[in-house]
Amino acid sequence: MKEILIKKGQRNKDEKERGITLIALVITIIVLLILVAVTIATLTGDNGILSNASKARVETEKANAEEQVGIAVAGSIGTDGNVNTDSLNDNLKNISGLTYNDQPLSDSNKIGSLPAKVKVDGYEVRINANGSLTTQIIKEYTEDGVPIPEGFYYVGGTKEEGVVISDSSADENKGTDHTTATRTTRKSVCVGASRSRWRF
C-alpha cells in the first residue's frame, strides 16, 4: 500500500511541475516581446540609433568637405598672410568633384578674388577673404537617409515605400503624407522600390 501512495504523490508532483513550466514559458514569451519592442524603439525612434547614424554621416561628410577646402586654403596662404588666388586655384583642382560656378576649375573658370563659393560633395563652402570658411549643406536627406538632389524638395514617402521629391517651390514645406505626393505637379520623381505606385 505504501508503494501505491508514493506513486500517486509523484504523479501529483509531476502535474504541478508541468503547470509551472507552462507559466514560465508564457512569462518568457512576454519578456521577449517586451525586449523586441524596446529594441525596435531604440533602433528606429527619433533619437534612435539609425537616425543618429544618419545625422552623424551628414556631419562627417560636411566636415570632410570643409577640411578638403581648408587644406587647400591653408596651402595657399603666402608669406604676407594673404590667400594667393593662383595657388588656391591650383590646390583646389586637386579636390575630386569640386566645382566653381557649377563647373570644374580650369584656366577659363577660376577664382579671381575672394570671397568665393565652391561646391564639393554636396556642400557649398564659402572661402572668405581672410581664409576662413563657411560651409552650407546643399544635399539634403530625408529622415531615413535618402539624399535629395539640389533644387528638389522632399514631398513624402519612406526609403522602403519610395521617396517622392519635387522641383516645385510650392512643395518645399509639404513633406508630410502620400496624398500630397500624388497631387504634385511638374517633374516629380519617385525614388525607391515602389515606383510603379505613383502616377505623375
Protein backbone atom coordinates (compact mmCIF):
# COMPACT_ATOMS: atom_id res chain seq x y z
CA MET A 1 0.00 0.00 0.00
CA LYS A 2 2.78 2.39 0.77
CA GLU A 3 4.22 1.93 -2.69
CA ILE A 4 0.94 2.96 -4.33
CA LEU A 5 0.74 6.11 -2.22
CA ILE A 6 4.24 7.12 -3.22
CA LYS A 7 3.45 6.68 -6.91
CA LYS A 8 0.31 8.79 -6.57
CA GLY A 9 2.33 11.51 -4.83
CA GLN A 10 4.90 11.51 -7.61
CA ARG A 11 2.18 11.83 -10.20
CA ASN A 12 0.74 14.93 -8.45
CA LYS A 13 4.23 16.42 -8.24
CA ASP A 14 4.79 15.88 -11.99
CA GLU A 15 1.48 17.57 -12.84
CA LYS A 16 2.43 20.61 -10.76
CA GLU A 17 5.83 20.88 -12.48
CA ARG A 18 4.19 20.81 -15.90
CA GLY A 19 1.93 23.71 -14.87
CA ILE A 20 4.88 25.76 -13.66
CA THR A 21 6.71 25.07 -16.93
CA LEU A 22 3.77 26.39 -18.95
CA ILE A 23 3.60 29.56 -16.83
CA ALA A 24 7.37 30.01 -17.19
CA LEU A 25 7.03 29.66 -20.97
CA VAL A 26 4.30 32.34 -21.12
CA ILE A 27 6.35 34.72 -18.93
CA THR A 28 9.43 34.13 -21.11
CA ILE A 29 7.48 34.95 -24.26
CA ILE A 30 6.12 38.14 -22.70
CA VAL A 31 9.61 39.22 -21.61
CA LEU A 32 10.95 38.52 -25.11
CA LEU A 33 8.16 40.58 -26.69
CA ILE A 34 8.97 43.49 -24.38
CA LEU A 35 12.67 43.23 -25.29
CA VAL A 36 11.82 43.22 -29.01
CA ALA A 37 9.64 46.31 -28.60
CA VAL A 38 12.38 48.15 -26.71
CA THR A 39 14.98 47.15 -29.32
CA ILE A 40 12.83 48.35 -32.22
CA ALA A 41 12.16 51.66 -30.46
CA THR A 42 15.88 52.08 -29.77
CA LEU A 43 16.76 51.48 -33.40
CA THR A 44 14.04 53.42 -35.19
CA GLY A 45 12.86 56.21 -32.86
CA ASP A 46 13.51 59.92 -33.40
CA ASN A 47 16.63 59.62 -31.27
CA GLY A 48 17.21 56.03 -32.35
CA ILE A 49 20.49 54.54 -33.41
CA LEU A 50 19.62 54.64 -37.12
CA SER A 51 18.58 58.31 -37.18
CA ASN A 52 21.63 59.28 -35.12
CA ALA A 53 23.85 57.35 -37.52
CA SER A 54 22.30 59.20 -40.45
CA LYS A 55 22.88 62.56 -38.76
CA ALA A 56 26.46 61.59 -37.95
CA ARG A 57 27.07 60.62 -41.58
CA VAL A 58 25.85 64.02 -42.77
CA GLU A 59 28.04 65.84 -40.24
CA THR A 60 31.06 63.72 -41.22
CA GLU A 61 30.55 64.47 -44.92
CA LYS A 62 30.23 68.18 -44.15
CA ALA A 63 33.40 68.18 -42.06
CA ASN A 64 35.24 66.25 -44.78
CA ALA A 65 34.24 68.77 -47.48
CA GLU A 66 35.26 71.69 -45.28
CA GLU A 67 38.55 70.01 -44.36
CA GLN A 68 39.50 69.41 -48.01
CA VAL A 69 38.91 73.06 -48.91
CA GLY A 70 40.57 74.19 -45.66
CA ILE A 71 43.75 72.30 -46.51
CA ALA A 72 43.79 73.88 -49.99
CA VAL A 73 43.30 77.36 -48.48
CA ALA A 74 45.98 76.81 -45.83
CA GLY A 75 48.42 75.75 -48.54
CA SER A 76 47.63 78.95 -50.47
CA ILE A 77 48.48 81.48 -47.77
CA GLY A 78 51.56 83.40 -48.74
CA THR A 79 54.30 84.87 -46.55
CA ASP A 80 52.31 88.09 -46.35
CA GLY A 81 49.44 86.22 -44.63
CA ASN A 82 47.00 86.63 -47.52
CA VAL A 83 45.48 83.94 -49.71
CA ASN A 84 47.17 83.74 -53.12
CA THR A 85 44.33 83.02 -55.60
CA ASP A 86 46.63 81.43 -58.22
CA SER A 87 47.95 78.99 -55.64
CA LEU A 88 44.42 78.47 -54.32
CA ASN A 89 43.14 77.53 -57.80
CA ASP A 90 45.98 75.04 -58.23
CA ASN A 91 45.32 73.48 -54.83
CA LEU A 92 41.55 73.30 -55.34
CA LYS A 93 41.98 71.50 -58.67
CA ASN A 94 43.31 68.52 -56.69
CA ILE A 95 39.97 68.04 -54.90
CA SER A 96 37.84 65.45 -56.68
CA GLY A 97 34.37 66.67 -57.67
CA LEU A 98 34.94 70.31 -56.68
CA THR A 99 33.15 72.91 -58.80
CA TYR A 100 33.21 76.69 -59.04
CA ASN A 101 30.28 78.37 -60.83
CA ASP A 102 28.90 74.83 -61.28
CA GLN A 103 31.90 73.90 -63.46
CA PRO A 104 35.21 72.21 -62.62
CA LEU A 105 38.09 74.64 -62.09
CA SER A 106 40.04 75.40 -65.26
CA ASP A 107 42.03 78.21 -66.83
CA SER A 108 38.80 79.81 -68.03
CA ASN A 109 36.81 79.07 -64.83
CA LYS A 110 38.93 80.03 -61.85
CA ILE A 111 38.67 82.06 -58.68
CA GLY A 112 39.80 85.63 -59.33
CA SER A 113 39.07 87.20 -55.94
CA LEU A 114 37.73 86.31 -52.52
CA PRO A 115 35.17 85.70 -51.14
CA ALA A 116 34.29 82.81 -53.44
CA LYS A 117 31.95 79.83 -53.22
CA VAL A 118 32.92 76.32 -54.28
CA LYS A 119 30.88 73.13 -54.15
CA VAL A 120 32.26 69.79 -53.05
CA ASP A 121 30.43 66.56 -52.13
CA GLY A 122 27.03 68.28 -51.97
CA TYR A 123 28.22 71.17 -49.77
CA GLU A 124 28.81 74.81 -50.60
CA VAL A 125 31.97 76.12 -48.99
CA ARG A 126 32.49 79.88 -48.92
CA ILE A 127 36.13 80.96 -48.83
CA ASN A 128 36.31 84.35 -47.17
CA ALA A 129 38.98 87.00 -47.92
CA ASN A 130 40.80 86.24 -44.65
CA GLY A 131 40.92 82.49 -45.48
CA SER A 132 38.16 81.44 -43.12
CA LEU A 133 35.48 79.04 -44.33
CA THR A 134 31.70 78.90 -44.08
CA THR A 135 30.04 75.64 -45.08
CA GLN A 136 26.40 75.13 -46.04
CA ILE A 137 24.66 71.91 -46.89
CA ILE A 138 23.37 71.65 -50.42
CA LYS A 139 22.50 67.99 -50.35
CA GLU A 140 19.62 67.31 -48.01
CA TYR A 141 18.50 63.97 -46.65
CA THR A 142 15.17 62.50 -45.59
CA GLU A 143 14.85 61.22 -42.03
CA ASP A 144 15.79 57.72 -43.16
CA GLY A 145 18.90 58.83 -45.06
CA VAL A 146 17.80 59.16 -48.70
CA PRO A 147 19.73 62.02 -50.36
CA ILE A 148 17.65 64.73 -52.02
CA PRO A 149 19.30 66.34 -55.06
CA GLU A 150 19.97 70.06 -55.20
CA GLY A 151 16.92 72.01 -56.32
CA PHE A 152 14.39 69.36 -55.25
CA TYR A 153 12.15 69.18 -52.19
CA TYR A 154 11.05 66.20 -50.12
CA VAL A 155 7.30 65.64 -50.52
CA GLY A 156 6.67 62.29 -48.83
CA GLY A 157 7.34 58.59 -48.54
CA THR A 158 9.97 56.44 -46.89
CA LYS A 159 13.03 54.56 -48.05
CA GLU A 160 11.08 51.28 -48.05
CA GLU A 161 7.96 52.61 -49.83
CA GLY A 162 9.68 55.07 -52.14
CA VAL A 163 10.55 58.72 -51.61
CA VAL A 164 8.71 61.42 -53.55
CA ILE A 165 10.58 64.63 -54.42
CA SER A 166 9.60 67.66 -56.49
CA ASP A 167 11.35 70.63 -58.07
CA SER A 168 8.35 72.89 -57.49
CA SER A 169 8.93 75.52 -54.79
CA ALA A 170 5.24 75.13 -53.88
CA ASP A 171 6.18 71.69 -52.49
CA GLU A 172 9.04 72.98 -50.34
CA ASN A 173 7.34 72.50 -46.96
CA LYS A 174 4.95 69.65 -47.74
CA GLY A 175 6.92 66.55 -46.77
CA THR A 176 4.04 65.05 -44.81
CA ASP A 177 1.97 62.31 -46.43
CA HIS A 178 1.44 60.34 -49.62
CA THR A 179 -1.81 62.08 -50.59
CA THR A 180 0.12 65.31 -51.08
CA ALA A 181 2.71 63.48 -53.16
CA THR A 182 0.15 62.16 -55.64
CA ARG A 183 -1.04 65.71 -56.41
CA THR A 184 2.45 67.05 -57.08
CA THR A 185 2.93 68.63 -60.48
CA ARG A 186 5.97 69.36 -62.64
CA LYS A 187 8.90 66.97 -62.72
CA SER A 188 8.10 64.96 -59.62
CA VAL A 189 10.27 61.92 -59.16
CA CYS A 190 9.73 58.84 -57.02
CA VAL A 191 12.91 57.21 -55.79
CA GLY A 192 12.71 53.76 -54.25
CA ALA A 193 11.31 50.29 -54.51
CA SER A 194 7.69 51.09 -55.37
CA ARG A 195 7.99 53.50 -58.27
CA SER A 196 5.02 51.99 -60.08
CA ARG A 197 2.63 53.05 -57.30
CA TRP A 198 2.92 56.76 -58.08
CA ARG A 199 1.34 58.47 -61.06
CA PHE A 200 2.68 61.75 -62.38
